[in-house]
Amino acid sequence: MAVEHVNGKNKGKIMLYALSTCGWCARTKDLLRELGVDFDYVYVDLLEGREQDEVMNEVEKWNPKGSFPTLVIGDRKGIVGFREDEIRETLA
């Protein structure tokens, strides 16, 4: 899977599921960079076949509607959409 990594402060495992064409996804990624946290992200629309199906199954565990962005923090919290205040509060 084409997971990209961004170095920063370790706040636990942070995974951003995004679309390459999604403005809200880009804003979420920019916010994570601004906060200086260590995170991974994957552009789900650039995956194909089984790989995309497997990632969508993971997204739907946190976000049954399968919309983007879906941010998973520490395998304990899912944030759907660009929720700047909630993201800042969770990662403070």
N, C-alpha and C. Protein backbone atom coordinates (compact mmCIF):
# COMPACT_ATOMS: atom_id res chain seq x y z
N MET A 1 0.85 -1.18 0.00
CA MET A 1 0.00 0.00 0.00
C MET A 1 0.89 1.24 0.00
N ALA A 2 0.47 2.26 -0.69
CA ALA A 2 1.26 3.48 -0.85
C ALA A 2 1.04 4.45 0.31
N VAL A 3 1.48 4.04 1.50
CA VAL A 3 1.35 4.89 2.68
C VAL A 3 2.53 5.85 2.72
N GLU A 4 2.23 7.12 2.91
CA GLU A 4 3.26 8.15 3.04
C GLU A 4 3.41 8.50 4.51
N HIS A 5 4.63 8.84 4.91
CA HIS A 5 4.91 9.18 6.31
C HIS A 5 5.41 10.62 6.41
N VAL A 6 4.94 11.33 7.43
CA VAL A 6 5.40 12.68 7.72
C VAL A 6 5.96 12.67 9.14
N ASN A 7 7.21 13.06 9.28
CA ASN A 7 7.86 13.06 10.59
C ASN A 7 7.39 14.24 11.43
N GLY A 8 7.35 14.02 12.74
CA GLY A 8 6.98 15.06 13.69
C GLY A 8 7.02 14.50 15.09
N LYS A 9 6.34 15.19 16.00
CA LYS A 9 6.26 14.73 17.39
C LYS A 9 5.41 13.47 17.44
N ASN A 10 5.88 12.50 18.25
CA ASN A 10 5.14 11.25 18.38
C ASN A 10 3.95 11.45 19.32
N LYS A 11 2.77 11.40 18.75
CA LYS A 11 1.53 11.50 19.52
C LYS A 11 0.75 10.19 19.40
N GLY A 12 1.47 9.10 19.17
CA GLY A 12 0.82 7.82 18.92
C GLY A 12 0.58 7.65 17.44
N LYS A 13 -0.01 6.53 17.09
CA LYS A 13 -0.26 6.25 15.68
C LYS A 13 -1.38 7.14 15.16
N ILE A 14 -1.09 7.89 14.11
CA ILE A 14 -2.08 8.76 13.47
C ILE A 14 -2.12 8.39 11.98
N MET A 15 -3.31 8.04 11.51
CA MET A 15 -3.48 7.64 10.11
C MET A 15 -4.58 8.48 9.48
N LEU A 16 -4.24 9.11 8.36
CA LEU A 16 -5.20 9.90 7.61
C LEU A 16 -5.54 9.17 6.32
N TYR A 17 -6.82 8.85 6.16
CA TYR A 17 -7.32 8.28 4.91
C TYR A 17 -7.91 9.43 4.11
N ALA A 18 -7.39 9.63 2.91
CA ALA A 18 -7.75 10.82 2.14
C ALA A 18 -7.92 10.48 0.67
N LEU A 19 -8.45 11.46 -0.07
CA LEU A 19 -8.53 11.39 -1.53
C LEU A 19 -7.58 12.43 -2.10
N SER A 20 -6.91 12.11 -3.17
CA SER A 20 -5.92 13.01 -3.75
C SER A 20 -6.54 14.30 -4.30
N THR A 21 -7.84 14.28 -4.57
CA THR A 21 -8.53 15.43 -5.16
C THR A 21 -9.38 16.20 -4.16
N CYS A 22 -9.31 15.85 -2.89
CA CYS A 22 -10.20 16.40 -1.86
C CYS A 22 -9.56 17.58 -1.15
N GLY A 23 -10.19 18.74 -1.25
CA GLY A 23 -9.69 19.94 -0.60
C GLY A 23 -9.69 19.83 0.92
N TRP A 24 -10.74 19.22 1.50
CA TRP A 24 -10.81 19.06 2.95
C TRP A 24 -9.73 18.10 3.44
N CYS A 25 -9.41 17.10 2.62
CA CYS A 25 -8.33 16.17 2.95
C CYS A 25 -6.99 16.92 2.99
N ALA A 26 -6.78 17.78 2.01
CA ALA A 26 -5.54 18.56 1.95
C ALA A 26 -5.44 19.49 3.17
N ARG A 27 -6.56 20.09 3.56
CA ARG A 27 -6.54 20.98 4.74
C ARG A 27 -6.24 20.19 6.01
N THR A 28 -6.77 18.97 6.11
CA THR A 28 -6.50 18.14 7.28
C THR A 28 -5.01 17.78 7.33
N LYS A 29 -4.46 17.42 6.18
CA LYS A 29 -3.03 17.09 6.12
C LYS A 29 -2.18 18.31 6.47
N ASP A 30 -2.55 19.47 5.97
CA ASP A 30 -1.83 20.71 6.30
C ASP A 30 -1.91 21.01 7.80
N LEU A 31 -3.07 20.79 8.40
CA LEU A 31 -3.24 21.03 9.83
C LEU A 31 -2.33 20.10 10.64
N LEU A 32 -2.28 18.85 10.26
CA LEU A 32 -1.41 17.91 10.97
C LEU A 32 0.06 18.34 10.86
N ARG A 33 0.45 18.82 9.69
CA ARG A 33 1.82 19.33 9.52
C ARG A 33 2.04 20.56 10.40
N GLU A 34 1.05 21.46 10.43
CA GLU A 34 1.15 22.66 11.25
C GLU A 34 1.31 22.30 12.73
N LEU A 35 0.59 21.26 13.17
CA LEU A 35 0.66 20.82 14.56
C LEU A 35 1.98 20.09 14.85
N GLY A 36 2.70 19.73 13.79
CA GLY A 36 4.02 19.13 13.95
C GLY A 36 3.99 17.70 14.46
N VAL A 37 2.93 16.97 14.15
CA VAL A 37 2.82 15.59 14.64
C VAL A 37 3.28 14.59 13.58
N ASP A 38 3.72 13.45 14.07
CA ASP A 38 4.13 12.32 13.25
C ASP A 38 2.85 11.65 12.74
N PHE A 39 2.69 11.47 11.43
CA PHE A 39 1.49 10.80 10.92
C PHE A 39 1.76 10.11 9.58
N ASP A 40 0.86 9.20 9.26
CA ASP A 40 0.86 8.51 7.98
C ASP A 40 -0.41 8.90 7.24
N TYR A 41 -0.35 8.84 5.92
CA TYR A 41 -1.57 9.07 5.14
C TYR A 41 -1.54 8.22 3.88
N VAL A 42 -2.73 7.97 3.36
CA VAL A 42 -2.85 7.22 2.11
C VAL A 42 -3.97 7.86 1.30
N TYR A 43 -3.71 7.99 0.00
CA TYR A 43 -4.74 8.47 -0.93
C TYR A 43 -5.49 7.25 -1.45
N VAL A 44 -6.66 7.04 -0.91
CA VAL A 44 -7.43 5.84 -1.20
C VAL A 44 -7.82 5.75 -2.67
N ASP A 45 -8.07 6.89 -3.30
CA ASP A 45 -8.47 6.89 -4.71
C ASP A 45 -7.34 6.47 -5.65
N LEU A 46 -6.11 6.46 -5.17
CA LEU A 46 -4.98 6.05 -6.01
C LEU A 46 -4.66 4.57 -5.86
N LEU A 47 -5.36 3.89 -4.95
CA LEU A 47 -5.20 2.45 -4.79
C LEU A 47 -6.10 1.74 -5.79
N GLU A 48 -5.84 0.48 -6.01
CA GLU A 48 -6.65 -0.27 -6.97
C GLU A 48 -7.06 -1.62 -6.40
N GLY A 49 -8.18 -2.13 -6.90
CA GLY A 49 -8.61 -3.49 -6.64
C GLY A 49 -8.69 -3.86 -5.17
N ARG A 50 -8.09 -5.01 -4.87
CA ARG A 50 -8.15 -5.58 -3.52
C ARG A 50 -7.56 -4.64 -2.47
N GLU A 51 -6.47 -3.99 -2.84
CA GLU A 51 -5.82 -3.07 -1.90
C GLU A 51 -6.79 -1.94 -1.50
N GLN A 52 -7.47 -1.37 -2.48
CA GLN A 52 -8.45 -0.32 -2.19
C GLN A 52 -9.60 -0.87 -1.35
N ASP A 53 -10.06 -2.07 -1.66
CA ASP A 53 -11.15 -2.69 -0.90
C ASP A 53 -10.74 -2.88 0.56
N GLU A 54 -9.52 -3.34 0.80
CA GLU A 54 -9.04 -3.57 2.16
C GLU A 54 -8.97 -2.25 2.94
N VAL A 55 -8.47 -1.21 2.29
CA VAL A 55 -8.37 0.09 2.96
C VAL A 55 -9.77 0.65 3.24
N MET A 56 -10.69 0.50 2.30
CA MET A 56 -12.06 0.99 2.53
C MET A 56 -12.72 0.24 3.69
N ASN A 57 -12.43 -1.04 3.84
CA ASN A 57 -12.96 -1.79 4.99
C ASN A 57 -12.44 -1.19 6.29
N GLU A 58 -11.17 -0.77 6.31
CA GLU A 58 -10.59 -0.14 7.50
C GLU A 58 -11.25 1.23 7.74
N VAL A 59 -11.42 2.01 6.69
CA VAL A 59 -12.07 3.33 6.81
C VAL A 59 -13.47 3.15 7.40
N GLU A 60 -14.21 2.19 6.90
CA GLU A 60 -15.61 2.01 7.31
C GLU A 60 -15.76 1.53 8.75
N LYS A 61 -14.68 1.01 9.35
CA LYS A 61 -14.72 0.67 10.78
C LYS A 61 -14.89 1.95 11.60
N TRP A 62 -14.29 3.03 11.14
CA TRP A 62 -14.32 4.31 11.84
C TRP A 62 -15.39 5.23 11.30
N ASN A 63 -15.76 5.02 10.05
CA ASN A 63 -16.66 5.92 9.34
C ASN A 63 -17.53 5.09 8.40
N PRO A 64 -18.66 4.58 8.92
CA PRO A 64 -19.50 3.68 8.11
C PRO A 64 -19.93 4.26 6.76
N LYS A 65 -19.97 5.59 6.64
CA LYS A 65 -20.36 6.20 5.36
C LYS A 65 -19.24 6.16 4.33
N GLY A 66 -18.00 5.91 4.80
CA GLY A 66 -16.87 5.82 3.88
C GLY A 66 -16.53 7.14 3.22
N SER A 67 -16.71 8.25 3.94
CA SER A 67 -16.39 9.55 3.37
C SER A 67 -14.99 10.00 3.81
N PHE A 68 -14.55 11.10 3.23
CA PHE A 68 -13.18 11.57 3.46
C PHE A 68 -13.16 13.05 3.80
N PRO A 69 -12.17 13.48 4.57
CA PRO A 69 -11.10 12.70 5.19
C PRO A 69 -11.61 11.92 6.40
N THR A 70 -10.94 10.80 6.66
CA THR A 70 -11.15 10.04 7.88
C THR A 70 -9.80 9.96 8.58
N LEU A 71 -9.76 10.49 9.79
CA LEU A 71 -8.52 10.53 10.57
C LEU A 71 -8.67 9.59 11.76
N VAL A 72 -7.73 8.66 11.91
CA VAL A 72 -7.76 7.71 13.02
C VAL A 72 -6.56 8.00 13.92
N ILE A 73 -6.86 8.26 15.18
CA ILE A 73 -5.83 8.64 16.14
C ILE A 73 -5.70 7.54 17.19
N GLY A 74 -4.52 6.93 17.20
CA GLY A 74 -4.21 5.94 18.22
C GLY A 74 -5.11 4.72 18.25
N ASP A 75 -5.71 4.37 17.14
CA ASP A 75 -6.64 3.24 17.09
C ASP A 75 -7.72 3.34 18.16
N ARG A 76 -8.02 4.57 18.62
CA ARG A 76 -9.04 4.75 19.65
C ARG A 76 -10.06 5.82 19.28
N LYS A 77 -9.72 6.69 18.34
CA LYS A 77 -10.63 7.79 18.00
C LYS A 77 -10.62 8.01 16.50
N GLY A 78 -11.81 8.13 15.93
CA GLY A 78 -11.94 8.47 14.53
C GLY A 78 -12.59 9.84 14.38
N ILE A 79 -12.03 10.67 13.52
CA ILE A 79 -12.59 11.99 13.25
C ILE A 79 -12.90 12.03 11.75
N VAL A 80 -14.15 12.28 11.44
CA VAL A 80 -14.61 12.30 10.06
C VAL A 80 -14.80 13.74 9.61
N GLY A 81 -14.20 14.09 8.48
CA GLY A 81 -14.32 15.44 7.96
C GLY A 81 -13.23 16.34 8.53
N PHE A 82 -13.19 17.56 8.04
CA PHE A 82 -12.21 18.53 8.54
C PHE A 82 -12.80 19.20 9.78
N ARG A 83 -12.44 18.68 10.94
CA ARG A 83 -12.92 19.18 12.23
C ARG A 83 -11.73 19.76 12.97
N GLU A 84 -11.35 20.97 12.57
CA GLU A 84 -10.12 21.58 13.07
C GLU A 84 -10.06 21.63 14.59
N ASP A 85 -11.11 22.12 15.24
CA ASP A 85 -11.09 22.25 16.69
C ASP A 85 -10.92 20.89 17.37
N GLU A 86 -11.65 19.89 16.88
CA GLU A 86 -11.57 18.55 17.47
C GLU A 86 -10.18 17.94 17.27
N ILE A 87 -9.61 18.14 16.11
CA ILE A 87 -8.27 17.61 15.84
C ILE A 87 -7.26 18.29 16.75
N ARG A 88 -7.33 19.62 16.83
CA ARG A 88 -6.40 20.36 17.71
C ARG A 88 -6.52 19.90 19.16
N GLU A 89 -7.77 19.75 19.64
CA GLU A 89 -7.99 19.37 21.03
C GLU A 89 -7.47 17.95 21.29
N THR A 90 -7.72 17.04 20.38
CA THR A 90 -7.30 15.65 20.55
C THR A 90 -5.77 15.52 20.56
N LEU A 91 -5.10 16.35 19.75
CA LEU A 91 -3.64 16.22 19.62
C LEU A 91 -2.87 17.24 20.48
N ALA A 92 -3.57 17.99 21.32
CA ALA A 92 -2.90 18.99 22.17
C ALA A 92 -1.97 18.34 23.17
